[in-house]
Amino acid sequence: MNNFVLNLFEDLRKKYILELHWAGTEYINDNEVKLFNAYFSGPVLSNAAQINPNDNITLDFSNMYNLFISHFYLANLNWVDVNYINDKVLLKDVVLKGEFVVKVPKWVEEDYIIIDTSKHEERLHAFNLTYDAFVVNKEGELYKF
């Protein structure tokens, strides 16, 4: 691919980025992490449908483990309430549940999750049950395991 096509592709991908940030965590049990003061942000919010309270999405972290993947690394992100303020969606009572979530990474406040929503436009959403997700550090670099 030439540079123009690569840049165009990158611009389109940026349009679909949803970020999940938090200010603190609490490990509830072997499979659950509570995220405090969590919120969604990112360019996709300007074009996305309203996020509902008492909802969830399934995040697929498998691409982070693509060298030695033995199974899928899925986690369910649940929240109770949402509040739209400026360019953020504040989430209340947020829990991330999954087989591996308390093992790695350590969910520190400087890290955040990038969620790729490109497969979830209205015409595609019903065919895609999970959202590709990646944990990154405060510099935006992929978390190293």
N, C-alpha and C. Protein backbone atom coordinates (compact mmCIF):
# COMPACT_ATOMS: atom_id res chain seq x y z
N MET A 1 0.84 -1.19 0.00
CA MET A 1 0.00 0.00 0.00
C MET A 1 0.87 1.24 0.00
N ASN A 2 0.42 2.25 -0.71
CA ASN A 2 1.20 3.49 -0.71
C ASN A 2 0.87 4.33 0.54
N ASN A 3 1.64 5.39 0.76
CA ASN A 3 1.47 6.22 1.96
C ASN A 3 0.10 6.87 2.04
N PHE A 4 -0.44 7.30 0.89
CA PHE A 4 -1.76 7.92 0.90
C PHE A 4 -2.81 6.96 1.45
N VAL A 5 -2.79 5.72 0.96
CA VAL A 5 -3.76 4.71 1.41
C VAL A 5 -3.54 4.40 2.88
N LEU A 6 -2.29 4.25 3.30
CA LEU A 6 -2.01 3.98 4.72
C LEU A 6 -2.50 5.11 5.61
N ASN A 7 -2.26 6.37 5.20
CA ASN A 7 -2.72 7.51 5.99
C ASN A 7 -4.24 7.58 6.03
N LEU A 8 -4.89 7.30 4.92
CA LEU A 8 -6.35 7.30 4.87
C LEU A 8 -6.90 6.24 5.81
N PHE A 9 -6.32 5.05 5.76
CA PHE A 9 -6.75 3.96 6.64
C PHE A 9 -6.58 4.36 8.10
N GLU A 10 -5.46 4.96 8.44
CA GLU A 10 -5.20 5.39 9.81
C GLU A 10 -6.20 6.45 10.25
N ASP A 11 -6.53 7.40 9.37
CA ASP A 11 -7.51 8.43 9.69
C ASP A 11 -8.88 7.81 9.97
N LEU A 12 -9.27 6.82 9.17
CA LEU A 12 -10.56 6.16 9.39
C LEU A 12 -10.57 5.42 10.71
N ARG A 13 -9.49 4.75 11.05
CA ARG A 13 -9.42 4.01 12.31
C ARG A 13 -9.52 4.96 13.49
N LYS A 14 -8.88 6.10 13.41
CA LYS A 14 -8.94 7.07 14.51
C LYS A 14 -10.37 7.52 14.76
N LYS A 15 -11.16 7.60 13.71
CA LYS A 15 -12.56 8.00 13.83
C LYS A 15 -13.35 7.07 14.74
N TYR A 16 -12.94 5.80 14.83
CA TYR A 16 -13.68 4.79 15.56
C TYR A 16 -13.11 4.49 16.95
N ILE A 17 -12.19 5.28 17.42
CA ILE A 17 -11.56 5.03 18.71
C ILE A 17 -12.46 5.47 19.85
N LEU A 18 -12.63 4.57 20.83
CA LEU A 18 -13.30 4.86 22.08
C LEU A 18 -12.31 4.53 23.18
N GLU A 19 -12.09 5.46 24.08
CA GLU A 19 -11.14 5.23 25.17
C GLU A 19 -11.91 5.06 26.47
N LEU A 20 -11.43 4.14 27.29
CA LEU A 20 -11.97 3.94 28.64
C LEU A 20 -10.88 4.32 29.64
N HIS A 21 -11.16 5.33 30.45
CA HIS A 21 -10.23 5.79 31.48
C HIS A 21 -10.84 5.55 32.85
N TRP A 22 -10.00 5.54 33.88
CA TRP A 22 -10.46 5.38 35.26
C TRP A 22 -9.48 6.06 36.19
N ALA A 23 -9.92 6.33 37.43
CA ALA A 23 -9.06 7.01 38.41
C ALA A 23 -8.56 6.07 39.50
N GLY A 24 -9.09 4.89 39.59
CA GLY A 24 -8.65 3.93 40.59
C GLY A 24 -9.32 2.59 40.36
N THR A 25 -8.78 1.57 41.04
CA THR A 25 -9.31 0.22 40.87
C THR A 25 -9.42 -0.49 42.22
N GLU A 26 -10.25 -1.51 42.24
CA GLU A 26 -10.35 -2.40 43.40
C GLU A 26 -10.55 -3.81 42.86
N TYR A 27 -9.70 -4.73 43.30
CA TYR A 27 -9.83 -6.12 42.87
C TYR A 27 -10.91 -6.77 43.73
N ILE A 28 -11.99 -7.19 43.12
CA ILE A 28 -13.13 -7.75 43.84
C ILE A 28 -12.92 -9.23 44.12
N ASN A 29 -12.50 -9.98 43.11
CA ASN A 29 -12.20 -11.41 43.26
C ASN A 29 -11.24 -11.80 42.14
N ASP A 30 -11.09 -13.09 41.89
CA ASP A 30 -10.13 -13.57 40.88
C ASP A 30 -10.47 -13.17 39.45
N ASN A 31 -11.70 -12.74 39.22
CA ASN A 31 -12.13 -12.44 37.86
C ASN A 31 -12.75 -11.06 37.67
N GLU A 32 -12.68 -10.20 38.70
CA GLU A 32 -13.36 -8.92 38.59
C GLU A 32 -12.52 -7.78 39.15
N VAL A 33 -12.56 -6.67 38.41
CA VAL A 33 -11.90 -5.43 38.83
C VAL A 33 -12.95 -4.32 38.76
N LYS A 34 -13.10 -3.59 39.85
CA LYS A 34 -13.99 -2.43 39.85
C LYS A 34 -13.18 -1.21 39.43
N LEU A 35 -13.73 -0.40 38.51
CA LEU A 35 -13.07 0.80 38.02
C LEU A 35 -13.78 2.02 38.58
N PHE A 36 -13.05 2.88 39.28
CA PHE A 36 -13.63 4.07 39.89
C PHE A 36 -13.47 5.29 38.99
N ASN A 37 -14.48 6.14 38.99
CA ASN A 37 -14.49 7.36 38.18
C ASN A 37 -14.16 7.06 36.72
N ALA A 38 -14.74 6.00 36.21
CA ALA A 38 -14.49 5.59 34.82
C ALA A 38 -15.29 6.45 33.86
N TYR A 39 -14.72 6.64 32.68
CA TYR A 39 -15.44 7.38 31.65
C TYR A 39 -14.95 6.96 30.27
N PHE A 40 -15.86 7.12 29.30
CA PHE A 40 -15.53 6.94 27.90
C PHE A 40 -15.21 8.30 27.31
N SER A 41 -14.25 8.32 26.39
CA SER A 41 -13.96 9.51 25.60
C SER A 41 -13.47 9.04 24.23
N GLY A 42 -13.33 9.98 23.32
CA GLY A 42 -12.80 9.63 22.01
C GLY A 42 -13.66 10.14 20.88
N PRO A 43 -13.10 10.15 19.68
CA PRO A 43 -13.77 10.74 18.52
C PRO A 43 -15.06 10.03 18.13
N VAL A 44 -15.20 8.76 18.42
CA VAL A 44 -16.40 8.03 18.01
C VAL A 44 -17.65 8.55 18.71
N LEU A 45 -17.50 9.16 19.87
CA LEU A 45 -18.67 9.64 20.61
C LEU A 45 -19.47 10.69 19.86
N SER A 46 -18.80 11.44 18.99
CA SER A 46 -19.52 12.49 18.25
C SER A 46 -20.49 11.92 17.21
N ASN A 47 -20.30 10.65 16.83
CA ASN A 47 -21.17 10.03 15.83
C ASN A 47 -21.90 8.79 16.33
N ALA A 48 -21.63 8.37 17.55
CA ALA A 48 -22.19 7.11 18.06
C ALA A 48 -23.59 7.32 18.63
N ALA A 49 -24.35 6.25 18.66
CA ALA A 49 -25.64 6.26 19.33
C ALA A 49 -25.42 6.46 20.83
N GLN A 50 -26.45 6.93 21.50
CA GLN A 50 -26.39 7.18 22.94
C GLN A 50 -26.06 5.88 23.68
N ILE A 51 -25.18 5.96 24.67
CA ILE A 51 -24.82 4.82 25.49
C ILE A 51 -25.87 4.68 26.58
N ASN A 52 -26.38 3.48 26.75
CA ASN A 52 -27.47 3.23 27.69
C ASN A 52 -26.97 2.90 29.09
N PRO A 53 -27.75 3.27 30.11
CA PRO A 53 -27.44 2.81 31.47
C PRO A 53 -27.72 1.31 31.58
N ASN A 54 -27.19 0.70 32.63
CA ASN A 54 -27.39 -0.74 32.88
C ASN A 54 -27.09 -1.56 31.64
N ASP A 55 -25.89 -1.35 31.09
CA ASP A 55 -25.52 -2.02 29.86
C ASP A 55 -24.11 -2.58 30.00
N ASN A 56 -23.63 -3.20 28.94
CA ASN A 56 -22.29 -3.79 28.95
C ASN A 56 -21.82 -4.00 27.53
N ILE A 57 -20.51 -4.17 27.40
CA ILE A 57 -19.92 -4.59 26.13
C ILE A 57 -18.86 -5.63 26.45
N THR A 58 -18.60 -6.49 25.49
CA THR A 58 -17.56 -7.50 25.64
C THR A 58 -16.32 -7.03 24.90
N LEU A 59 -15.22 -6.94 25.65
CA LEU A 59 -13.94 -6.50 25.09
C LEU A 59 -13.09 -7.72 24.78
N ASP A 60 -12.48 -7.72 23.62
CA ASP A 60 -11.62 -8.82 23.18
C ASP A 60 -10.18 -8.34 23.19
N PHE A 61 -9.41 -8.81 24.17
CA PHE A 61 -8.01 -8.45 24.31
C PHE A 61 -7.09 -9.46 23.63
N SER A 62 -7.63 -10.38 22.86
CA SER A 62 -6.83 -11.45 22.24
C SER A 62 -5.69 -10.93 21.39
N ASN A 63 -5.88 -9.82 20.67
CA ASN A 63 -4.82 -9.29 19.81
C ASN A 63 -3.60 -8.83 20.59
N MET A 64 -3.77 -8.56 21.88
CA MET A 64 -2.61 -8.20 22.70
C MET A 64 -1.74 -9.40 22.99
N TYR A 65 -2.33 -10.59 22.90
CA TYR A 65 -1.63 -11.82 23.24
C TYR A 65 -1.39 -12.67 22.00
N ASN A 66 -1.30 -12.07 20.85
CA ASN A 66 -1.31 -12.83 19.61
C ASN A 66 -0.10 -13.73 19.38
N LEU A 67 0.96 -13.60 20.14
CA LEU A 67 2.11 -14.48 19.94
C LEU A 67 1.87 -15.88 20.48
N PHE A 68 1.28 -15.98 21.65
CA PHE A 68 1.13 -17.27 22.31
C PHE A 68 -0.31 -17.49 22.77
N ILE A 69 -1.25 -17.20 21.93
CA ILE A 69 -2.64 -17.28 22.35
C ILE A 69 -3.09 -18.73 22.45
N SER A 70 -3.61 -19.10 23.61
CA SER A 70 -4.14 -20.45 23.78
C SER A 70 -5.66 -20.44 23.78
N HIS A 71 -6.24 -19.28 24.01
CA HIS A 71 -7.68 -19.10 23.94
C HIS A 71 -7.97 -17.61 23.86
N PHE A 72 -9.24 -17.28 23.76
CA PHE A 72 -9.61 -15.87 23.67
C PHE A 72 -9.52 -15.21 25.04
N TYR A 73 -9.17 -13.95 25.05
CA TYR A 73 -9.09 -13.17 26.27
C TYR A 73 -10.21 -12.13 26.24
N LEU A 74 -11.39 -12.58 26.64
CA LEU A 74 -12.56 -11.72 26.63
C LEU A 74 -12.83 -11.21 28.03
N ALA A 75 -13.34 -10.00 28.12
CA ALA A 75 -13.75 -9.43 29.39
C ALA A 75 -15.04 -8.67 29.16
N ASN A 76 -15.93 -8.74 30.13
CA ASN A 76 -17.19 -8.03 30.02
C ASN A 76 -17.11 -6.76 30.86
N LEU A 77 -17.38 -5.63 30.23
CA LEU A 77 -17.38 -4.33 30.90
C LEU A 77 -18.83 -3.96 31.17
N ASN A 78 -19.17 -3.83 32.46
CA ASN A 78 -20.54 -3.51 32.88
C ASN A 78 -20.57 -2.16 33.57
N TRP A 79 -21.67 -1.42 33.38
CA TRP A 79 -21.87 -0.17 34.10
C TRP A 79 -23.34 -0.03 34.43
N VAL A 80 -23.62 0.77 35.47
CA VAL A 80 -24.99 0.95 35.93
C VAL A 80 -25.62 2.21 35.35
N ASP A 81 -24.88 3.30 35.35
CA ASP A 81 -25.46 4.56 34.90
C ASP A 81 -24.47 5.31 34.03
N VAL A 82 -24.97 6.21 33.21
CA VAL A 82 -24.14 7.05 32.34
C VAL A 82 -24.59 8.49 32.47
N ASN A 83 -23.64 9.39 32.29
CA ASN A 83 -23.94 10.82 32.32
C ASN A 83 -23.04 11.50 31.29
N TYR A 84 -23.65 12.12 30.29
CA TYR A 84 -22.90 12.82 29.25
C TYR A 84 -22.53 14.21 29.76
N ILE A 85 -21.22 14.49 29.80
CA ILE A 85 -20.73 15.81 30.17
C ILE A 85 -19.65 16.20 29.18
N ASN A 86 -19.92 17.26 28.41
CA ASN A 86 -19.01 17.74 27.37
C ASN A 86 -18.65 16.61 26.43
N ASP A 87 -17.37 16.28 26.33
CA ASP A 87 -16.93 15.25 25.38
C ASP A 87 -16.64 13.91 26.07
N LYS A 88 -17.23 13.69 27.25
CA LYS A 88 -17.04 12.44 27.99
C LYS A 88 -18.38 11.83 28.35
N VAL A 89 -18.33 10.51 28.54
CA VAL A 89 -19.48 9.79 29.08
C VAL A 89 -19.03 9.19 30.40
N LEU A 90 -19.51 9.79 31.49
CA LEU A 90 -19.16 9.31 32.82
C LEU A 90 -19.95 8.04 33.11
N LEU A 91 -19.26 7.04 33.64
CA LEU A 91 -19.87 5.74 33.93
C LEU A 91 -19.91 5.52 35.43
N LYS A 92 -20.99 4.94 35.93
CA LYS A 92 -21.12 4.69 37.36
C LYS A 92 -21.19 3.19 37.62
N ASP A 93 -20.54 2.76 38.71
CA ASP A 93 -20.52 1.35 39.12
C ASP A 93 -20.02 0.46 37.99
N VAL A 94 -18.77 0.66 37.61
CA VAL A 94 -18.17 -0.05 36.49
C VAL A 94 -17.36 -1.25 36.98
N VAL A 95 -17.60 -2.40 36.37
CA VAL A 95 -16.87 -3.61 36.71
C VAL A 95 -16.40 -4.27 35.41
N LEU A 96 -15.14 -4.68 35.40
CA LEU A 96 -14.56 -5.43 34.30
C LEU A 96 -14.41 -6.87 34.77
N LYS A 97 -15.08 -7.81 34.09
CA LYS A 97 -15.09 -9.22 34.49
C LYS A 97 -14.50 -10.07 33.38
N GLY A 98 -13.62 -10.97 33.77
CA GLY A 98 -13.05 -11.89 32.80
C GLY A 98 -12.04 -12.79 33.47
N GLU A 99 -11.77 -13.89 32.83
CA GLU A 99 -10.90 -14.93 33.39
C GLU A 99 -9.50 -14.42 33.75
N PHE A 100 -9.00 -13.45 33.02
CA PHE A 100 -7.61 -13.03 33.20
C PHE A 100 -7.45 -11.63 33.77
N VAL A 101 -8.52 -10.91 34.03
CA VAL A 101 -8.41 -9.47 34.29
C VAL A 101 -7.61 -9.10 35.52
N VAL A 102 -7.52 -9.97 36.52
CA VAL A 102 -6.74 -9.61 37.70
C VAL A 102 -5.28 -10.05 37.58
N LYS A 103 -4.93 -10.78 36.54
CA LYS A 103 -3.56 -11.26 36.38
C LYS A 103 -2.66 -10.21 35.75
N VAL A 104 -2.94 -9.82 34.56
CA VAL A 104 -2.21 -8.76 33.87
C VAL A 104 -3.16 -8.02 32.98
N PRO A 105 -2.99 -6.76 32.75
CA PRO A 105 -2.04 -5.91 33.45
C PRO A 105 -2.59 -5.50 34.80
N LYS A 106 -1.76 -4.83 35.58
CA LYS A 106 -2.25 -4.21 36.81
C LYS A 106 -2.95 -2.94 36.38
N TRP A 107 -4.17 -2.79 36.74
CA TRP A 107 -5.00 -1.68 36.26
C TRP A 107 -4.69 -0.43 37.05
N VAL A 108 -3.65 0.30 36.65
CA VAL A 108 -3.28 1.53 37.32
C VAL A 108 -3.94 2.71 36.63
N GLU A 109 -4.09 3.81 37.35
CA GLU A 109 -4.86 4.93 36.82
C GLU A 109 -4.24 5.57 35.59
N GLU A 110 -2.95 5.41 35.37
CA GLU A 110 -2.32 6.01 34.19
C GLU A 110 -2.60 5.21 32.92
N ASP A 111 -2.95 3.93 33.07
CA ASP A 111 -3.28 3.11 31.92
C ASP A 111 -4.70 3.42 31.47
N TYR A 112 -5.02 3.04 30.25
CA TYR A 112 -6.38 3.13 29.77
C TYR A 112 -6.58 2.10 28.67
N ILE A 113 -7.82 1.92 28.28
CA ILE A 113 -8.15 0.93 27.25
C ILE A 113 -8.60 1.65 25.99
N ILE A 114 -8.04 1.25 24.87
CA ILE A 114 -8.50 1.73 23.58
C ILE A 114 -9.41 0.66 23.00
N ILE A 115 -10.62 1.08 22.63
CA ILE A 115 -11.63 0.17 22.10
C ILE A 115 -11.87 0.55 20.64
N ASP A 116 -11.74 -0.43 19.75
CA ASP A 116 -11.97 -0.22 18.32
C ASP A 116 -13.44 -0.49 18.02
N THR A 117 -14.18 0.54 17.64
CA THR A 117 -15.61 0.39 17.36
C THR A 117 -15.91 0.30 15.86
N SER A 118 -14.88 0.16 15.03
CA SER A 118 -15.07 0.22 13.57
C SER A 118 -16.00 -0.87 13.04
N LYS A 119 -16.13 -1.98 13.73
CA LYS A 119 -17.01 -3.07 13.27
C LYS A 119 -18.41 -2.95 13.86
N HIS A 120 -18.70 -1.79 14.46
CA HIS A 120 -19.97 -1.67 15.18
C HIS A 120 -20.85 -0.54 14.70
N GLU A 121 -20.67 -0.13 13.45
CA GLU A 121 -21.65 0.78 12.88
C GLU A 121 -22.98 0.03 12.82
N GLU A 122 -24.06 0.76 12.73
CA GLU A 122 -25.39 0.15 12.83
C GLU A 122 -25.58 -1.05 11.92
N ARG A 123 -25.09 -0.96 10.68
CA ARG A 123 -25.30 -2.06 9.73
C ARG A 123 -24.43 -3.29 10.03
N LEU A 124 -23.37 -3.13 10.83
CA LEU A 124 -22.45 -4.23 11.13
C LEU A 124 -22.57 -4.77 12.55
N HIS A 125 -23.10 -3.98 13.44
CA HIS A 125 -23.07 -4.29 14.87
C HIS A 125 -23.64 -5.68 15.20
N ALA A 126 -24.74 -6.05 14.59
CA ALA A 126 -25.38 -7.33 14.90
C ALA A 126 -24.50 -8.53 14.56
N PHE A 127 -23.52 -8.35 13.69
CA PHE A 127 -22.65 -9.45 13.27
C PHE A 127 -21.34 -9.51 14.05
N ASN A 128 -21.12 -8.56 14.94
CA ASN A 128 -19.88 -8.49 15.71
C ASN A 128 -20.23 -8.38 17.18
N LEU A 129 -19.95 -9.43 17.92
CA LEU A 129 -20.37 -9.50 19.31
C LEU A 129 -19.35 -8.92 20.28
N THR A 130 -18.12 -8.74 19.82
CA THR A 130 -17.08 -8.22 20.70
C THR A 130 -16.42 -6.99 20.10
N TYR A 131 -15.76 -6.24 20.94
CA TYR A 131 -15.01 -5.05 20.54
C TYR A 131 -13.52 -5.33 20.76
N ASP A 132 -12.69 -5.16 19.73
CA ASP A 132 -11.25 -5.31 19.91
C ASP A 132 -10.78 -4.23 20.87
N ALA A 133 -9.95 -4.62 21.84
CA ALA A 133 -9.51 -3.69 22.88
C ALA A 133 -8.03 -3.92 23.19
N PHE A 134 -7.38 -2.82 23.60
CA PHE A 134 -5.96 -2.85 23.90
C PHE A 134 -5.70 -1.98 25.12
N VAL A 135 -4.87 -2.47 26.04
CA VAL A 135 -4.49 -1.67 27.19
C VAL A 135 -3.22 -0.91 26.82
N VAL A 136 -3.24 0.39 27.05
CA VAL A 136 -2.08 1.23 26.74
C VAL A 136 -1.69 2.04 27.97
N ASN A 137 -0.45 2.53 27.98
CA ASN A 137 0.00 3.36 29.09
C ASN A 137 -0.29 4.82 28.80
N LYS A 138 0.09 5.69 29.71
CA LYS A 138 -0.26 7.11 29.57
C LYS A 138 0.37 7.76 28.34
N GLU A 139 1.43 7.16 27.77
CA GLU A 139 2.03 7.68 26.55
C GLU A 139 1.33 7.12 25.31
N GLY A 140 0.33 6.27 25.50
CA GLY A 140 -0.38 5.68 24.38
C GLY A 140 0.32 4.50 23.76
N GLU A 141 1.28 3.91 24.47
CA GLU A 141 2.01 2.74 23.98
C GLU A 141 1.33 1.48 24.48
N LEU A 142 1.28 0.47 23.63
CA LEU A 142 0.68 -0.81 23.98
C LEU A 142 1.35 -1.38 25.22
N TYR A 143 0.56 -1.83 26.16
CA TYR A 143 1.07 -2.42 27.40
C TYR A 143 1.95 -3.62 27.08
N LYS A 144 3.09 -3.70 27.72
CA LYS A 144 4.04 -4.80 27.48
C LYS A 144 3.82 -5.89 28.52
N PHE A 145 3.70 -7.13 28.05
CA PHE A 145 3.50 -8.27 28.96
C PHE A 145 4.74 -9.13 29.00
